[in-house]
Protein backbone atom coordinates (compact mmCIF):
# COMPACT_ATOMS: atom_id res chain seq x y z
CA MET A 1 115.86 107.44 84.56
CA GLU A 2 116.05 107.41 88.36
CA ALA A 3 113.89 110.54 88.55
CA ALA A 4 111.36 109.02 86.13
CA MET A 5 111.05 105.86 88.22
CA GLY A 6 110.65 107.97 91.37
CA LEU A 7 107.83 109.89 89.69
CA MET A 8 106.05 106.71 88.60
CA ARG A 9 106.22 105.33 92.15
CA ARG A 10 104.46 108.43 93.44
CA ILE A 11 101.91 108.96 90.68
CA HIS A 12 98.30 107.94 91.23
CA PRO A 13 97.90 104.45 89.66
CA LYS A 14 94.77 105.64 87.91
CA HIS A 15 96.90 108.12 85.94
CA SER A 16 99.97 105.92 85.48
CA GLU A 17 99.25 105.16 81.82
CA THR A 18 99.06 108.88 80.96
CA ALA A 19 102.22 109.59 82.97
CA LEU A 20 104.13 106.75 81.29
CA SER A 21 103.11 107.99 77.84
CA ALA A 22 104.41 111.47 78.70
CA LEU A 23 107.71 110.04 80.00
CA LEU A 24 108.17 107.97 76.84
CA SER A 25 107.83 111.16 74.81
CA LEU A 26 110.35 112.98 77.00
CA LEU A 27 112.82 110.09 77.34
CA PRO A 28 112.65 108.02 74.13
CA GLN A 29 116.18 106.70 74.79
CA HIS A 30 114.89 104.98 77.95
CA SER A 31 111.70 103.58 76.42
CA SER A 32 112.78 99.93 76.79
CA ASP A 33 113.69 100.35 80.46
CA LEU A 34 110.49 102.23 81.26
CA LEU A 35 108.24 99.71 79.54
CA SER A 36 109.96 96.77 81.25
CA GLN A 37 110.10 98.28 84.76
CA VAL A 38 106.81 100.18 85.03
CA ASP A 39 103.73 98.01 85.59
CA GLN A 40 100.55 99.27 83.98
CA PRO A 41 96.90 98.32 84.61
CA LEU A 42 96.19 95.23 82.54
CA ARG A 43 94.15 95.47 79.34
CA VAL A 44 92.00 92.80 77.72
CA LEU A 45 91.56 91.70 74.10
CA SER A 46 89.23 89.11 72.60
CA ASP A 47 90.56 86.11 70.68
CA MET A 48 88.09 85.75 67.81
CA GLU A 49 89.28 82.25 66.94
CA SER A 50 88.85 80.67 70.39
CA GLY A 51 86.17 83.03 71.67
CA ASN A 52 88.13 83.69 74.87
CA GLU A 53 89.46 86.94 76.24
CA PHE A 54 93.14 87.30 77.05
CA ILE A 55 95.30 89.88 78.79
CA MET A 56 97.61 92.21 76.88
CA CYS A 57 100.97 93.15 78.40
CA GLU A 58 104.62 93.60 77.49
CA TYR A 59 105.26 89.86 77.89
CA ASN A 60 103.03 88.78 74.97
CA ARG A 61 103.62 91.80 72.72
CA ASP A 62 105.60 91.77 69.50
CA ALA A 63 105.60 95.08 67.59
CA ASP A 64 101.98 96.25 67.87
CA SER A 65 100.44 92.77 68.11
CA TYR A 66 99.63 90.59 71.13
CA ARG A 67 99.78 86.80 71.27
CA SER A 68 96.77 84.92 72.61
CA PRO A 69 97.60 82.04 74.99
CA TRP A 70 94.52 80.18 73.76
CA SER A 71 95.14 80.06 70.00
CA ASN A 72 98.86 80.98 70.06
CA LYS A 73 98.16 83.56 67.35
CA TYR A 74 98.86 87.27 67.27
CA HIS A 75 96.16 89.93 67.17
CA PRO A 76 96.32 91.78 64.81
CA PRO A 77 97.94 89.02 62.70
CA LEU A 78 101.74 89.01 62.66
CA GLU A 79 103.57 86.63 60.36
CA ASP A 80 106.96 86.43 62.10
CA GLY A 81 105.88 86.92 65.72
CA GLN A 82 107.94 85.25 68.45
CA GLN A 83 106.67 81.85 69.57
CA PRO A 84 107.63 79.56 72.48
CA SER A 85 109.13 76.16 71.73
CA ALA A 86 106.82 73.17 71.38
CA THR A 87 107.70 71.88 74.87
CA LEU A 88 107.22 75.26 76.49
CA ARG A 89 104.00 75.85 74.56
CA GLN A 90 102.56 72.62 75.98
CA LEU A 91 103.47 73.74 79.50
CA GLU A 92 101.87 77.13 78.74
CA ILE A 93 98.60 75.45 77.71
CA GLU A 94 98.52 73.40 80.93
CA ALA A 95 99.33 76.50 83.00
CA ASN A 96 96.45 78.47 81.46
CA ASP A 97 93.98 75.67 82.24
CA VAL A 98 95.22 75.31 85.82
CA PHE A 99 95.36 79.05 86.45
CA ALA A 100 91.77 79.41 85.25
CA VAL A 101 90.80 76.96 88.00
CA TYR A 102 92.80 78.98 90.52
CA ARG A 103 91.05 82.14 89.35
CA ASP A 104 87.64 80.62 90.10
CA HIS A 105 88.43 78.29 93.03
CA ASN A 106 91.60 79.81 94.53
CA CYS A 107 93.76 76.71 94.72
CA ILE A 108 96.32 75.86 92.03
CA CYS A 109 97.66 72.54 93.25
CA CYS A 110 94.48 70.57 93.95
CA ALA A 111 91.73 72.78 92.45
CA LYS A 112 89.67 72.46 95.63
CA LEU A 113 87.12 75.10 96.58
CA ASN A 114 88.86 77.34 99.08
CA ASP A 115 88.59 80.92 100.33
CA ARG A 116 87.59 82.48 97.03
CA TYR A 117 88.42 86.13 96.51
CA TYR A 118 88.66 86.44 92.74
CA GLU A 119 85.23 84.94 91.99
CA GLY A 120 86.01 84.94 88.30
CA GLY A 121 87.84 87.47 86.18
CA ILE A 122 90.28 86.99 83.31
CA SER A 123 93.61 85.16 83.49
CA SER A 124 96.46 84.55 81.06
CA VAL A 125 99.80 82.75 81.29
CA TYR A 126 102.72 83.35 78.94
CA MET A 127 106.08 81.57 78.74
CA TRP A 128 109.27 82.14 76.81
CA GLU A 129 112.85 80.86 76.78
CA ASP A 130 115.48 82.58 78.90
CA GLU A 131 118.74 82.19 77.03
CA ASP A 132 120.84 83.79 79.78
CA ASN A 133 120.36 81.05 82.39
CA GLU A 134 119.30 78.18 80.08
CA GLY A 135 115.83 78.13 81.64
CA PHE A 136 112.55 79.88 80.93
CA VAL A 137 110.36 82.70 82.21
CA ALA A 138 106.64 82.49 82.97
CA CYS A 139 104.19 85.33 83.47
CA PHE A 140 100.91 84.69 85.31
CA LEU A 141 98.29 87.44 85.01
CA ILE A 142 94.87 87.96 86.58
CA LYS A 143 92.55 90.89 86.02
CA LYS A 144 89.37 91.30 88.04
CA ALA A 145 87.18 94.37 87.56
CA GLN A 146 83.74 95.00 89.02
CA PHE A 147 81.21 97.73 88.29
CA PHE A 148 78.05 98.18 90.33
CA ASP A 149 74.95 100.34 90.36
CA ALA A 150 75.96 103.55 92.14
CA GLN A 151 72.41 104.02 93.43
CA ASP A 152 72.04 100.52 94.82
CA GLY A 153 75.54 99.15 95.35
CA SER A 154 74.72 96.79 98.20
CA LYS A 155 71.91 95.08 96.33
CA THR A 156 73.88 94.64 93.12
CA GLY A 157 76.89 93.48 95.13
CA GLN A 158 74.85 90.73 96.83
CA GLY A 159 75.11 92.49 100.18
CA ARG A 160 78.89 92.06 100.54
CA ARG A 161 80.38 95.10 98.82
CA GLY A 162 78.40 97.87 100.48
CA TYR A 163 78.43 100.99 98.32
CA LEU A 164 81.25 99.92 96.04
CA GLN A 165 80.77 101.61 92.68
CA GLU A 166 83.90 100.37 90.93
CA GLY A 167 86.72 98.04 91.88
CA GLY A 168 89.74 96.52 90.17
CA TRP A 169 92.52 94.06 91.03
CA ASP A 170 95.44 93.43 88.65
CA ALA A 171 97.95 90.74 89.62
CA ILE A 172 101.23 90.21 87.73
CA HIS A 173 103.49 87.29 88.67
CA VAL A 174 106.74 86.83 86.74
CA ILE A 175 108.79 83.73 87.54
CA GLN A 176 112.30 83.14 86.24
CA VAL A 177 113.16 79.44 86.28
CA GLY A 178 116.78 78.35 86.04
CA PRO A 179 118.41 74.95 86.53
CA VAL A 180 120.47 74.26 89.64
CA ASP A 181 121.21 70.61 88.96
CA GLU A 182 119.38 67.57 87.57
CA THR A 183 116.90 67.41 90.44
CA MET A 184 116.59 71.05 91.57
CA SER A 185 115.62 74.35 89.97
CA HIS A 186 115.88 77.94 91.13
CA TYR A 187 112.73 80.04 91.04
CA CYS A 188 112.74 83.84 91.27
CA LEU A 189 109.22 85.23 91.62
CA THR A 190 108.46 88.95 91.26
CA SER A 191 104.84 89.83 92.01
CA THR A 192 102.96 93.09 91.61
CA VAL A 193 99.38 93.79 92.65
CA MET A 194 97.52 96.96 91.62
CA LEU A 195 94.35 97.72 93.53
CA SER A 196 91.73 100.42 92.95
CA LEU A 197 88.22 101.00 94.30
CA THR A 198 85.66 103.76 94.30
CA THR A 199 82.66 104.02 96.61
CA ASN A 200 79.56 106.18 96.36
CA ASP A 201 77.43 106.78 99.46
CA GLU A 202 75.14 109.73 100.15
CA SER A 203 76.10 109.80 103.83
CA SER A 204 79.88 109.75 103.33
CA GLY A 205 80.25 110.93 99.72
CA ASN A 206 82.68 109.59 97.12
CA PHE A 207 85.85 107.82 98.15
CA ASN A 208 88.70 106.57 95.98
CA LEU A 209 91.52 104.29 97.10
CA SER A 210 94.22 102.90 94.83
CA GLY A 211 97.80 101.76 95.01
CA SER A 212 100.26 99.04 94.10
CA ILE A 213 102.65 96.77 95.93
CA ARG A 214 105.58 94.65 94.70
CA ARG A 215 107.43 91.80 96.39
CA GLN A 216 110.06 89.24 95.38
CA MET A 217 110.67 85.63 96.47
CA ASN A 218 113.53 83.22 95.69
CA MET A 219 113.39 79.46 96.25
CA ASP A 220 115.28 76.32 95.23
CA LEU A 221 112.80 73.47 94.79
CA ALA A 222 112.90 69.88 93.64
CA VAL A 223 111.38 69.29 90.22
CA THR A 224 109.84 65.95 91.24
CA ASP A 225 106.29 67.33 91.07
CA GLY A 226 106.98 69.49 88.02
CA HIS A 227 107.58 73.19 87.43
CA LEU A 228 103.89 74.06 87.33
CA CYS A 229 103.23 72.74 90.82
CA ASN A 230 106.24 74.59 92.24
CA MET A 231 105.28 77.86 90.57
CA GLY A 232 101.69 77.47 91.74
CA LYS A 233 102.68 77.04 95.38
CA MET A 234 104.89 80.12 95.24
CA ILE A 235 102.13 82.23 93.69
CA GLU A 236 99.60 81.12 96.32
CA GLU A 237 102.00 81.96 99.13
CA MET A 238 102.93 85.31 97.61
CA GLU A 239 99.33 86.37 97.00
CA SER A 240 98.46 85.58 100.59
CA LYS A 241 101.31 87.84 101.77
CA LEU A 242 100.32 90.59 99.35
CA ARG A 243 96.68 90.54 100.46
CA ASN A 244 97.75 90.84 104.10
CA SER A 245 100.11 93.72 103.28
CA LEU A 246 97.43 95.56 101.32
CA ASP A 247 94.98 95.09 104.15
CA GLN A 248 97.43 96.51 106.68
CA VAL A 249 98.97 99.29 104.57
CA TYR A 250 96.00 100.61 102.64
CA PHE A 251 92.81 99.59 104.39
CA GLY A 252 94.23 99.52 107.92
CA LYS A 253 95.90 102.94 107.73
CA THR A 254 92.95 104.47 105.89
CA ARG A 255 90.50 103.14 108.47
CA GLU A 256 92.68 104.48 111.26
CA MET A 257 92.88 107.96 109.71
CA VAL A 258 89.18 108.16 108.86
CA CYS A 259 88.10 106.99 112.30
CA THR A 260 90.44 109.54 113.90
CA LEU A 261 89.29 112.47 111.79
CA ARG A 262 85.67 111.46 111.46
CA PRO A 263 84.81 109.13 114.35
CA PRO A 264 81.48 107.28 114.35
CA ALA A 265 78.60 109.06 116.09
CA GLU A 266 78.73 106.89 119.22
CA VAL A 267 82.48 107.45 119.63
CA ALA A 268 82.12 111.19 119.13
CA GLN A 269 79.34 111.31 121.73
CA LEU A 270 81.50 109.36 124.19
CA ARG A 271 84.37 111.83 123.74
CA ILE A 272 82.00 114.75 124.37
CA SER A 273 80.75 113.09 127.53
CA GLU A 274 84.29 112.50 128.78
CA THR A 275 85.21 116.17 128.35
CA LYS A 276 82.26 117.39 130.42
C-alpha cells in the first residue's frame, strides 16, 4: 500500500486514472483505501430531472450510481441509495446555492463581485452524517475546464490566456465538522487542487504542465453565524493559499528553469555582449 501511494504521488496527473485502475487490479484487497486516498480528476454527469450538471466522485457514489445534489436522486436510479437526513439535506441545498455564487463571483460569505478566477464552471456540494464524532462531513467540489482554438488561442481566450489550448482546475474540499461544546465546533478541512494546462505556439511549440497539491487546516469556531459561513471562510482562505503555492511551485519554478535554459532574445544578446 505504501509503495502504491508513492507511485500515485509521482505519476503524471493526466494518467492517474489509468494508473489507479491498474493498481486496483493488482491490489484488490486495498481497493477501499486506494479509492478513498487517491484523488482523481473530477467527472461530470447531467441530472435529467433538474437539467443541471453535477460532479461525480467517491463522496456521492453508492454502488455504480451517483447522487445528484440538485434532485437528491441517484443516476442511474438506485432504490436503496444512501441519503442524508432531512436537516442535513436542507443544509446541503443551501450550500449548493451559495457555492454556485462563489464559483461565479468568488466570495462565499457576502456574494460580492471579487477577484474572479473561476469565471463559471461546475460545482457540487455533498453532505453526510459522521457517526464517529457525532457530527457531519461536507464535500465541496469545483471543476473548471477550458478548451480553446489551437490556431487562435489569444482571440478565443479574449486576449488573456495567450496560446492556451486546454486548461483544467479541479478543487476538492472535504470538511469534517464535530462538536466541541454547545457554542463551538471543530472543523478539519482537507483540500486538494489538481491543475493541468496545455499550450500550443508555433514559436515555442507544445507545452504541458500539470500537478496537484494538498493541504489541511484545523480550526475551532463559534457556530453563531452557522456552519455554512464558517466552512465558507475556511475554503476561501485555503484556496488563496493553494493558488499562491501553485504559482510559486509550478509556475515560478517552471519560469525560472525555462528562462535559464532558453532566455529571451534580449537577455541572450546581453550575455553575449558581456562575454566579449
